[in-house]
Amino acid sequence: MIIGFIGLGRMGQPMARNLVKAGLELVVWNRSTAPAQALAEELGVRVAESPADLANSVDLVVTMLADDQASVAVHQGVAGLFAGGRAKWVVEMGTLSPQHLAELAQVAPKGMRVVDAPVSGATQAARDAQLLIMSGCEEAAATVLAPVFNALGKRTIYLGKFGAGAVMKLAVNSLIHGINQTLAEAMSLAEAAGIQAEAAFDVIEASAAAAPMLSYRRPLYLDEAGHDVTFTVALARKDMQITAQLAQSLGTAMPQGQATLQELLAAEKDGYGARDMASILAYMRERKA
């Protein structure tokens, strides 16, 4: 089976490397050509001329795209992914809205199946092939999809219904962004009382409030400037906006999610958009009652 991979950003590059490491044949494409060319030379794989060319060259396509707008640009048009004829599966692993995924499934060419399979885990989990994969399809599809999922993640949960993976990704991310916000508030409170940041983090990390993301993101919280960006405030805001829209469409109250969204919007307005989401701690340090 030949795999196509589209979207070679912070998450996509290590994921593509792991597919090759697992022995899968790969073809890549990226909207910015330089990352695709560099990775192709590193891995010894081909760069497709367009998404359509890629879809004409592979059996299964994986996309790791930032948002719905990027997805539209990749899938649609005469050179878009849906113009290709060979690929039978398109596995969407980025954080896309359920509405957009439904639209993709409706316009996909006959014989090409769209599957939502977003992932949970930061860049380190992507490098270590330790992602959690939330697949919106039945487990019977594992015959085809398992070689890809096993190369990328530690566990795949098959949710049995198209779109369920996208919903669960939003639900998980809303929890993550809520934890990020309340961690920033708790740390700011402790520091305002004269407790050193590292000591405060030690206590939180050892407490009942501990979560895995706090441990693997600890270096960023304590020294944001000294580490590469892994997930921006702008992407967090995008996640929470999609989640808020989904909740509204379902008639579900999300007061905490709305509060998190408002803080992310305010931080982005104040120039934090391109910074790591850990920068919300710096943002809250500057906030005054």
Protein backbone atom coordinates (compact mmCIF):
# COMPACT_ATOMS: atom_id res chain seq x y z
CA MET A 1 0.00 0.00 0.00
CA ILE A 2 1.33 3.42 -1.01
CA ILE A 3 0.54 6.30 1.34
CA GLY A 4 0.21 9.95 0.44
CA PHE A 5 0.79 12.59 3.12
CA ILE A 6 -0.37 16.21 2.87
CA GLY A 7 0.43 18.83 5.52
CA LEU A 8 4.05 18.87 6.65
CA GLY A 9 3.91 21.23 9.61
CA ARG A 10 5.02 20.71 13.21
CA MET A 11 2.94 17.55 13.53
CA GLY A 12 2.96 16.34 9.95
CA GLN A 13 6.72 16.04 9.49
CA PRO A 14 7.35 13.61 12.37
CA MET A 15 4.24 11.66 11.41
CA ALA A 16 5.52 11.27 7.85
CA ARG A 17 8.89 10.12 9.18
CA ASN A 18 7.19 7.44 11.27
CA LEU A 19 5.30 6.10 8.27
CA VAL A 20 8.58 5.62 6.41
CA LYS A 21 10.18 4.15 9.53
CA ALA A 22 7.35 1.59 9.60
CA GLY A 23 8.28 0.51 6.08
CA LEU A 24 5.41 2.18 4.24
CA GLU A 25 5.99 3.68 0.79
CA LEU A 26 5.29 7.41 0.87
CA VAL A 27 4.52 10.32 -1.45
CA VAL A 28 4.25 13.82 0.06
CA TRP A 29 2.85 17.24 -0.79
CA ASN A 30 2.71 20.53 1.10
CA ARG A 31 1.32 23.96 0.24
CA SER A 32 4.78 25.43 0.96
CA THR A 33 7.19 23.57 -1.28
CA ALA A 34 10.38 23.98 0.76
CA PRO A 35 9.35 21.74 3.68
CA ALA A 36 8.18 19.06 1.27
CA GLN A 37 11.41 19.12 -0.73
CA ALA A 38 13.58 19.02 2.39
CA LEU A 39 11.66 16.13 3.94
CA ALA A 40 11.57 14.23 0.64
CA GLU A 41 15.36 14.46 0.34
CA GLU A 42 15.75 13.33 3.96
CA LEU A 43 13.43 10.33 3.56
CA GLY A 44 14.09 9.47 -0.07
CA VAL A 45 10.46 9.87 -1.12
CA ARG A 46 8.74 11.65 -4.00
CA VAL A 47 7.09 15.06 -3.83
CA ALA A 48 3.83 15.14 -5.78
CA GLU A 49 3.25 18.02 -8.17
CA SER A 50 -0.21 18.71 -6.73
CA PRO A 51 -2.79 17.09 -4.43
CA ALA A 52 -4.42 15.59 -7.53
CA ASP A 53 -1.10 14.10 -8.64
CA LEU A 54 -0.66 12.65 -5.16
CA ALA A 55 -4.16 11.12 -5.15
CA ASN A 56 -3.42 9.57 -8.56
CA SER A 57 -0.24 7.97 -7.19
CA VAL A 58 -1.29 6.40 -3.87
CA ASP A 59 -3.84 4.06 -2.31
CA LEU A 60 -4.53 6.06 0.85
CA VAL A 61 -4.06 9.75 1.67
CA VAL A 62 -3.40 11.18 5.12
CA THR A 63 -3.96 14.90 5.62
CA MET A 64 -2.72 16.88 8.62
CA LEU A 65 -4.15 20.33 7.98
CA ALA A 66 -4.55 23.28 10.33
CA ASP A 67 -8.13 24.31 9.62
CA ASP A 68 -11.13 24.15 7.31
CA GLN A 69 -9.76 26.86 5.02
CA ALA A 70 -6.55 24.93 4.40
CA SER A 71 -8.59 21.81 3.80
CA VAL A 72 -10.76 23.51 1.17
CA ALA A 73 -7.63 24.71 -0.65
CA VAL A 74 -6.18 21.19 -0.68
CA HIS A 75 -9.27 19.18 -1.60
CA GLN A 76 -11.05 21.37 -4.14
CA GLY A 77 -10.19 22.58 -7.64
CA VAL A 78 -8.79 21.01 -10.81
CA ALA A 79 -5.51 20.18 -9.06
CA GLY A 80 -7.14 19.33 -5.73
CA LEU A 81 -7.12 16.04 -3.91
CA PHE A 82 -10.62 15.12 -5.08
CA ALA A 83 -9.52 15.47 -8.71
CA GLY A 84 -7.30 12.41 -8.30
CA GLY A 85 -8.67 8.99 -9.15
CA ARG A 86 -6.57 6.23 -7.58
CA ALA A 87 -6.77 6.81 -3.82
CA LYS A 88 -9.65 4.99 -2.14
CA TRP A 89 -9.23 6.45 1.35
CA VAL A 90 -8.66 10.00 2.60
CA VAL A 91 -7.88 10.04 6.32
CA GLU A 92 -8.31 13.50 7.84
CA MET A 93 -6.07 13.71 10.94
CA GLY A 94 -6.06 17.46 11.56
CA THR A 95 -8.58 19.35 13.69
CA LEU A 96 -11.41 20.15 11.27
CA SER A 97 -15.00 21.06 12.02
CA PRO A 98 -17.59 18.27 11.82
CA GLN A 99 -19.61 20.40 9.39
CA HIS A 100 -16.65 20.75 7.02
CA LEU A 101 -15.93 17.02 7.21
CA ALA A 102 -19.54 16.26 6.30
CA GLU A 103 -19.20 18.56 3.29
CA LEU A 104 -16.01 16.77 2.23
CA ALA A 105 -17.73 13.40 2.44
CA GLN A 106 -20.59 14.68 0.29
CA VAL A 107 -18.38 16.00 -2.52
CA ALA A 108 -15.72 13.26 -2.50
CA PRO A 109 -15.60 11.39 -5.81
CA LYS A 110 -17.28 8.02 -6.05
CA GLY A 111 -15.07 5.26 -4.71
CA MET A 112 -13.09 7.56 -2.39
CA ARG A 113 -13.98 7.29 1.30
CA VAL A 114 -13.33 10.15 3.73
CA VAL A 115 -12.50 9.14 7.33
CA ASP A 116 -12.06 11.50 10.27
CA ALA A 117 -9.21 10.34 12.52
CA PRO A 118 -7.81 13.34 14.44
CA VAL A 119 -5.06 12.83 16.97
CA SER A 120 -4.37 13.88 20.54
CA GLY A 121 -0.80 14.55 21.59
CA ALA A 122 1.80 17.24 21.06
CA THR A 123 4.84 17.27 18.80
CA GLN A 124 6.82 14.97 21.09
CA ALA A 125 4.06 12.38 20.92
CA ALA A 126 4.09 12.72 17.13
CA ARG A 127 7.86 12.15 17.06
CA ASP A 128 7.58 9.12 19.37
CA ALA A 129 4.58 7.62 17.54
CA GLN A 130 2.60 7.90 20.77
CA LEU A 131 -0.46 9.74 19.49
CA LEU A 132 -4.01 8.82 20.47
CA ILE A 133 -6.08 8.41 17.31
CA MET A 134 -9.85 9.00 17.43
CA SER A 135 -11.25 7.35 14.33
CA GLY A 136 -14.77 8.10 13.18
CA CYS A 137 -15.30 4.74 11.54
CA GLU A 138 -16.06 1.15 12.39
CA GLU A 139 -13.34 -1.21 13.59
CA ALA A 140 -13.81 -3.33 10.48
CA ALA A 141 -11.92 -0.62 8.62
CA ALA A 142 -8.87 -1.49 10.69
CA THR A 143 -7.85 -4.02 8.06
CA VAL A 144 -6.92 -1.12 5.80
CA LEU A 145 -6.19 1.65 8.30
CA ALA A 146 -4.32 -0.17 11.06
CA PRO A 147 -0.89 -0.18 9.33
CA VAL A 148 -1.07 3.62 9.16
CA PHE A 149 -2.51 4.14 12.63
CA ASN A 150 -0.09 1.70 14.24
CA ALA A 151 2.84 3.57 12.69
CA LEU A 152 1.64 6.87 14.13
CA GLY A 153 0.05 6.19 17.49
CA LYS A 154 0.00 4.27 20.73
CA ARG A 155 -3.73 3.55 20.54
CA THR A 156 -6.63 3.93 18.13
CA ILE A 157 -10.20 4.18 19.39
CA TYR A 158 -12.77 3.36 16.70
CA LEU A 159 -15.90 5.39 17.40
CA GLY A 160 -18.07 3.68 14.79
CA LYS A 161 -19.65 6.79 13.28
CA PHE A 162 -18.40 9.28 10.71
CA GLY A 163 -17.71 12.64 12.38
CA ALA A 164 -17.43 11.19 15.88
CA GLY A 165 -13.64 11.47 15.77
CA ALA A 166 -13.87 15.18 14.98
CA VAL A 167 -16.35 15.75 17.81
CA MET A 168 -14.19 13.91 20.32
CA LYS A 169 -11.12 15.86 19.21
CA LEU A 170 -12.96 19.11 19.94
CA ALA A 171 -14.18 17.77 23.28
CA VAL A 172 -10.66 16.75 24.29
CA ASN A 173 -9.14 20.03 23.11
CA SER A 174 -11.74 22.06 24.98
CA LEU A 175 -10.63 20.28 28.14
CA ILE A 176 -6.95 20.83 27.31
CA HIS A 177 -7.43 24.54 26.67
CA GLY A 178 -9.48 24.86 29.85
CA ILE A 179 -6.68 23.22 31.84
CA ASN A 180 -4.17 25.51 30.16
CA GLN A 181 -6.18 28.58 31.24
CA THR A 182 -6.78 27.46 34.82
CA LEU A 183 -3.15 26.39 35.21
CA ALA A 184 -2.11 29.90 34.19
CA GLU A 185 -4.49 31.38 36.74
CA ALA A 186 -3.36 29.04 39.52
CA MET A 187 0.31 29.75 38.82
CA SER A 188 -0.30 33.50 38.71
CA LEU A 189 -2.10 33.32 42.05
CA ALA A 190 0.75 31.38 43.68
CA GLU A 191 3.41 33.68 42.25
CA ALA A 192 1.52 36.79 43.37
CA ALA A 193 1.71 35.39 46.92
CA GLY A 194 5.49 35.07 46.65
CA ILE A 195 5.81 31.37 45.76
CA GLN A 196 8.49 30.58 43.18
CA ALA A 197 7.22 29.33 39.83
CA GLU A 198 9.09 26.01 39.91
CA ALA A 199 7.92 25.22 43.44
CA ALA A 200 4.34 26.08 42.53
CA PHE A 201 4.52 23.85 39.47
CA ASP A 202 6.00 21.03 41.57
CA VAL A 203 2.97 21.15 43.86
CA ILE A 204 0.43 21.31 41.04
CA GLU A 205 2.14 18.49 39.15
CA ALA A 206 2.10 16.26 42.24
CA SER A 207 -1.48 17.13 43.21
CA ALA A 208 -4.85 15.60 42.35
CA ALA A 209 -5.12 18.25 39.62
CA ALA A 210 -2.16 16.82 37.70
CA ALA A 211 -2.69 15.95 34.04
CA PRO A 212 -0.21 14.42 31.55
CA MET A 213 -0.12 17.63 29.50
CA LEU A 214 1.18 19.56 32.52
CA SER A 215 4.21 17.28 32.77
CA TYR A 216 5.16 17.24 29.10
CA ARG A 217 4.50 20.96 28.75
CA ARG A 218 6.29 21.92 31.98
CA PRO A 219 9.43 23.22 30.19
CA LEU A 220 7.27 25.57 28.11
CA TYR A 221 5.36 26.88 31.10
CA LEU A 222 8.55 27.60 33.03
CA ASP A 223 10.64 28.87 30.09
CA GLU A 224 8.47 29.57 27.07
CA ALA A 225 11.14 31.64 25.27
CA GLY A 226 13.70 28.85 25.59
CA HIS A 227 11.64 26.29 23.67
CA ASP A 228 10.13 25.89 20.23
CA VAL A 229 6.45 26.64 19.72
CA THR A 230 4.39 23.44 19.71
CA PHE A 231 0.81 24.74 19.53
CA THR A 232 -0.09 28.40 19.09
CA VAL A 233 -2.63 30.54 20.88
CA ALA A 234 -4.23 31.21 17.48
CA LEU A 235 -4.80 27.49 16.92
CA ALA A 236 -6.22 27.13 20.44
CA ARG A 237 -8.63 29.99 19.71
CA LYS A 238 -9.60 28.32 16.43
CA ASP A 239 -10.34 25.06 18.28
CA MET A 240 -12.51 26.78 20.85
CA GLN A 241 -14.43 28.76 18.24
CA ILE A 242 -15.29 25.57 16.36
CA THR A 243 -16.24 23.89 19.65
CA ALA A 244 -18.47 26.79 20.66
CA GLN A 245 -20.23 26.67 17.28
CA LEU A 246 -20.73 22.92 17.60
CA ALA A 247 -22.13 23.27 21.12
CA GLN A 248 -24.55 25.94 19.93
CA SER A 249 -25.73 23.76 17.05
CA LEU A 250 -26.36 20.88 19.47
CA GLY A 251 -28.01 23.05 22.12
CA THR A 252 -25.29 22.20 24.64
CA ALA A 253 -24.22 24.72 27.29
CA MET A 254 -20.46 25.29 27.56
CA PRO A 255 -19.97 28.21 29.98
CA GLN A 256 -16.40 27.20 30.81
CA GLY A 257 -15.59 26.77 27.14
CA GLN A 258 -16.99 30.22 26.38
CA ALA A 259 -14.85 31.74 29.14
CA THR A 260 -11.75 30.00 27.76
CA LEU A 261 -12.56 31.25 24.27
CA GLN A 262 -12.88 34.85 25.46
CA GLU A 263 -9.47 34.70 27.15
CA LEU A 264 -7.88 33.27 24.01
CA LEU A 265 -9.47 35.97 21.87
CA ALA A 266 -8.19 38.66 24.24
CA ALA A 267 -4.68 37.17 24.31
CA GLU A 268 -4.57 36.95 20.52
CA LYS A 269 -5.70 40.57 20.26
CA ASP A 270 -2.82 41.51 22.59
CA GLY A 271 -0.27 39.92 20.26
CA TYR A 272 -0.01 36.38 21.65
CA GLY A 273 -1.45 34.62 18.59
CA ALA A 274 1.83 33.21 17.23
CA ARG A 275 3.17 32.26 20.65
CA ASP A 276 2.81 28.83 22.22
CA MET A 277 -0.38 28.27 24.19
CA ALA A 278 1.82 28.09 27.30
CA SER A 279 2.20 31.85 26.89
CA ILE A 280 -1.24 32.22 28.47
CA LEU A 281 0.71 32.03 31.75
CA ALA A 282 2.67 35.15 30.75
CA TYR A 283 -0.55 36.76 29.61
CA MET A 284 -2.26 36.11 32.95
CA ARG A 285 0.76 37.42 34.87
CA GLU A 286 0.19 40.74 33.14
CA ARG A 287 -3.55 40.80 33.82
CA LYS A 288 -4.75 42.79 36.80
CA ALA A 289 -8.05 42.48 38.63
